[in-house]
C-alpha atoms as a PDB file:
ATOM      1  CA  UNK A   1     107.740-105.030  34.131  1.00  0.00           C
ATOM      2  CA  UNK A   2     104.136-104.417  35.117  1.00  0.00           C
ATOM      3  CA  UNK A   3     104.598-106.404  38.341  1.00  0.00           C
ATOM      4  CA  UNK A   4     107.613-104.329  39.285  1.00  0.00           C
ATOM      5  CA  UNK A   5     105.634-101.102  38.878  1.00  0.00           C
ATOM      6  CA  UNK A   6     102.698-102.447  40.914  1.00  0.00           C
ATOM      7  CA  UNK A   7     105.047-103.721  43.638  1.00  0.00           C
ATOM      8  CA  UNK A   8     106.938-100.406  43.709  1.00  0.00           C
ATOM      9  CA  UNK A   9     103.681 -98.441  44.004  1.00  0.00           C
ATOM     10  CA  UNK A  10     102.464-100.698  46.821  1.00  0.00           C
ATOM     11  CA  UNK A  11     105.761-100.293  48.676  1.00  0.00           C
ATOM     12  CA  UNK A  12     105.694 -96.525  48.232  1.00  0.00           C
ATOM     13  CA  UNK A  13     102.090 -96.312  49.488  1.00  0.00           C
ATOM     14  CA  UNK A  14     102.964 -98.390  52.560  1.00  0.00           C
ATOM     15  CA  UNK A  15     105.927 -96.152  53.277  1.00  0.00           C
ATOM     16  CA  UNK A  16     103.915 -92.934  52.940  1.00  0.00           C
ATOM     17  CA  UNK A  17     100.938 -94.191  54.953  1.00  0.00           C
ATOM     18  CA  UNK A  18     102.958 -95.840  57.736  1.00  0.00           C
ATOM     19  CA  UNK A  19     103.049 -93.928  61.022  1.00  0.00           C
ATOM     20  CA  UNK A  20     106.322 -92.123  61.555  1.00  0.00           C
ATOM     21  CA  UNK A  21     108.648 -94.057  63.827  1.00  0.00           C
ATOM     22  CA  UNK A  22     110.212 -91.927  66.478  1.00  0.00           C
ATOM     23  CA  UNK A  23     113.494 -92.947  67.943  1.00  0.00           C
ATOM     24  CA  UNK A  24     113.712 -92.978  71.697  1.00  0.00           C
ATOM     25  CA  UNK A  25     116.322 -90.672  73.219  1.00  0.00           C
ATOM     26  CA  UNK A  26     119.345 -92.554  74.596  1.00  0.00           C
ATOM     27  CA  UNK A  27     119.238 -93.489  78.276  1.00  0.00           C
ATOM     28  CA  UNK A  28     122.301 -92.077  80.077  1.00  0.00           C
ATOM     29  CA  UNK A  29     123.912 -93.919  82.980  1.00  0.00           C
ATOM     30  CA  UNK A  30     127.126 -93.415  84.846  1.00  0.00           C
ATOM     31  CA  UNK A  31     129.109 -95.731  87.062  1.00  0.00           C
ATOM     32  CA  UNK A  32     130.982 -94.108  89.943  1.00  0.00           C
ATOM     33  CA  UNK A  33     132.360 -95.721  93.085  1.00  0.00           C
ATOM     34  CA  UNK A  34     131.103 -98.998  91.597  1.00  0.00           C
ATOM     35  CA  UNK A  35     127.449 -97.894  91.599  1.00  0.00           C
ATOM     36  CA  UNK A  36     125.165 -97.041  88.678  1.00  0.00           C
ATOM     37  CA  UNK A  37     123.346 -93.711  88.590  1.00  0.00           C
ATOM     38  CA  UNK A  38     120.500 -94.011  88.012  1.00  0.00           C
ATOM     39  CA  UNK A  39     120.286 -97.645  89.045  1.00  0.00           C
ATOM     40  CA  UNK A  40     116.779 -98.015  87.618  1.00  0.00           C
ATOM     41  CA  UNK A  41     115.434 -96.939  84.233  1.00  0.00           C
ATOM     42  CA  UNK A  42     112.053 -97.352  82.544  1.00  0.00           C
ATOM     43  CA  UNK A  43     111.542 -97.834  78.796  1.00  0.00           C
ATOM     44  CA  UNK A  44     108.496 -98.623  76.629  1.00  0.00           C
ATOM     45  CA  UNK A  45     107.829-102.172  75.424  1.00  0.00           C
ATOM     46  CA  UNK A  46     108.438-103.090  71.823  1.00  0.00           C
ATOM     47  CA  UNK A  47     111.026-100.386  71.063  1.00  0.00           C
ATOM     48  CA  UNK A  48     114.758-100.517  70.556  1.00  0.00           C
ATOM     49  CA  UNK A  49     116.746 -98.152  72.756  1.00  0.00           C
ATOM     50  CA  UNK A  50     120.315 -97.094  73.498  1.00  0.00           C
ATOM     51  CA  UNK A  51     122.076 -97.028  76.845  1.00  0.00           C
ATOM     52  CA  UNK A  52     125.040 -94.652  77.043  1.00  0.00           C
ATOM     53  CA  UNK A  53     127.319 -95.431  80.007  1.00  0.00           C
ATOM     54  CA  UNK A  54     130.047 -93.108  81.313  1.00  0.00           C
ATOM     55  CA  UNK A  55     132.658 -94.719  83.572  1.00  0.00           C
ATOM     56  CA  UNK A  56     133.775 -92.363  86.368  1.00  0.00           C
ATOM     57  CA  UNK A  57     135.507 -95.155  88.289  1.00  0.00           C
ATOM     58  CA  UNK A  58     139.292 -95.402  88.542  1.00  0.00           C
ATOM     59  CA  UNK A  59     139.047 -98.945  87.188  1.00  0.00           C
ATOM     60  CA  UNK A  60     137.774-100.703  84.093  1.00  0.00           C
ATOM     61  CA  UNK A  61     134.226-102.032  84.410  1.00  0.00           C
ATOM     62  CA  UNK A  62     132.246-104.609  82.446  1.00  0.00           C
ATOM     63  CA  UNK A  63     128.652-103.539  81.756  1.00  0.00           C
ATOM     64  CA  UNK A  64     126.686-106.765  81.425  1.00  0.00           C
ATOM     65  CA  UNK A  65     123.170-108.166  81.359  1.00  0.00           C
ATOM     66  CA  UNK A  66     122.154-111.769  80.818  1.00  0.00           C
ATOM     67  CA  UNK A  67     118.536-110.588  80.505  1.00  0.00           C
ATOM     68  CA  UNK A  68     119.279-107.907  77.887  1.00  0.00           C
ATOM     69  CA  UNK A  69     121.973-110.017  76.182  1.00  0.00           C
ATOM     70  CA  UNK A  70     124.929-107.639  76.208  1.00  0.00           C
ATOM     71  CA  UNK A  71     128.422-107.519  77.665  1.00  0.00           C
ATOM     72  CA  UNK A  72     130.759-104.600  77.081  1.00  0.00           C
ATOM     73  CA  UNK A  73     134.001-103.331  78.611  1.00  0.00           C
ATOM     74  CA  UNK A  74     134.236 -99.646  79.561  1.00  0.00           C
ATOM     75  CA  UNK A  75     137.633 -98.279  80.559  1.00  0.00           C
ATOM     76  CA  UNK A  76     138.132 -95.705  83.276  1.00  0.00           C
ATOM     77  CA  UNK A  77     137.017 -92.323  81.940  1.00  0.00           C
ATOM     78  CA  UNK A  78     135.447 -93.979  78.899  1.00  0.00           C
ATOM     79  CA  UNK A  79     131.966 -94.013  77.413  1.00  0.00           C
ATOM     80  CA  UNK A  80     130.186 -96.891  75.684  1.00  0.00           C
ATOM     81  CA  UNK A  81     126.856 -97.294  73.934  1.00  0.00           C
ATOM     82  CA  UNK A  82     124.762-100.461  74.122  1.00  0.00           C
ATOM     83  CA  UNK A  83     121.805-101.283  71.865  1.00  0.00           C
ATOM     84  CA  UNK A  84     118.904-103.097  73.552  1.00  0.00           C
ATOM     85  CA  UNK A  85     115.334-104.155  72.834  1.00  0.00           C
ATOM     86  CA  UNK A  86     112.715-104.441  71.673  1.00  0.00           C
ATOM     87  CA  UNK A  87     111.554-106.048  74.917  1.00  0.00           C
ATOM     88  CA  UNK A  88     108.375-107.426  76.434  1.00  0.00           C
ATOM     89  CA  UNK A  89     107.020-105.798  79.627  1.00  0.00           C
ATOM     90  CA  UNK A  90     108.943-106.867  82.706  1.00  0.00           C
ATOM     91  CA  UNK A  91     112.057-106.157  84.753  1.00  0.00           C
ATOM     92  CA  UNK A  92     115.538-106.863  83.413  1.00  0.00           C
ATOM     93  CA  UNK A  93     118.776-106.787  85.437  1.00  0.00           C
ATOM     94  CA  UNK A  94     122.178-105.315  84.538  1.00  0.00           C
ATOM     95  CA  UNK A  95     125.440-105.229  86.503  1.00  0.00           C
ATOM     96  CA  UNK A  96     129.175-104.606  86.461  1.00  0.00           C
ATOM     97  CA  UNK A  97     130.666-108.081  86.098  1.00  0.00           C
ATOM     98  CA  UNK A  98     133.879-106.942  87.825  1.00  0.00           C
ATOM     99  CA  UNK A  99     131.918-105.655  90.869  1.00  0.00           C
ATOM    100  CA  UNK A 100     128.622-107.636  90.767  1.00  0.00           C
ATOM    101  CA  UNK A 101     127.841-107.178  94.471  1.00  0.00           C
ATOM    102  CA  UNK A 102     128.122-103.372  94.261  1.00  0.00           C
ATOM    103  CA  UNK A 103     127.119-102.181  90.796  1.00  0.00           C
ATOM    104  CA  UNK A 104     123.663-103.460  89.869  1.00  0.00           C
ATOM    105  CA  UNK A 105     120.575-101.991  88.284  1.00  0.00           C
ATOM    106  CA  UNK A 106     117.309-102.746  86.529  1.00  0.00           C
ATOM    107  CA  UNK A 107     115.391-101.804  83.413  1.00  0.00           C
ATOM    108  CA  UNK A 108     111.609-101.839  83.754  1.00  0.00           C
ATOM    109  CA  UNK A 109     109.784-102.239  80.462  1.00  0.00           C
ATOM    110  CA  UNK A 110     106.207-100.953  80.473  1.00  0.00           C
ATOM    111  CA  UNK A 111     103.369-101.284  77.998  1.00  0.00           C
ATOM    112  CA  UNK A 112     102.255 -97.837  76.869  1.00  0.00           C
ATOM    113  CA  UNK A 113      98.490 -97.269  77.153  1.00  0.00           C
END
């Protein structure tokens, strides 16, 4: 019983003293005429983030990234949300798998000072 109380107090102290984690606002993209807007986004390293994609095309698109490890269908007029990260600094590509020569973009991950 004594160990449980000590462990609980240690956990509580760590929780209270830990810096508050702030969630990053979702990144909003749209695909229209088989092009992403914006086609480049920047996010901080080491943090999870959300990408919200609105499809304004007349066709279904497939939002995909080998680098970011996601693949998701978005119907015409639909909206999807993709979870990504945490990532190391660098540049990561995404594309519409149904129109890979037209709809492409990048995510640049930067180390905050």
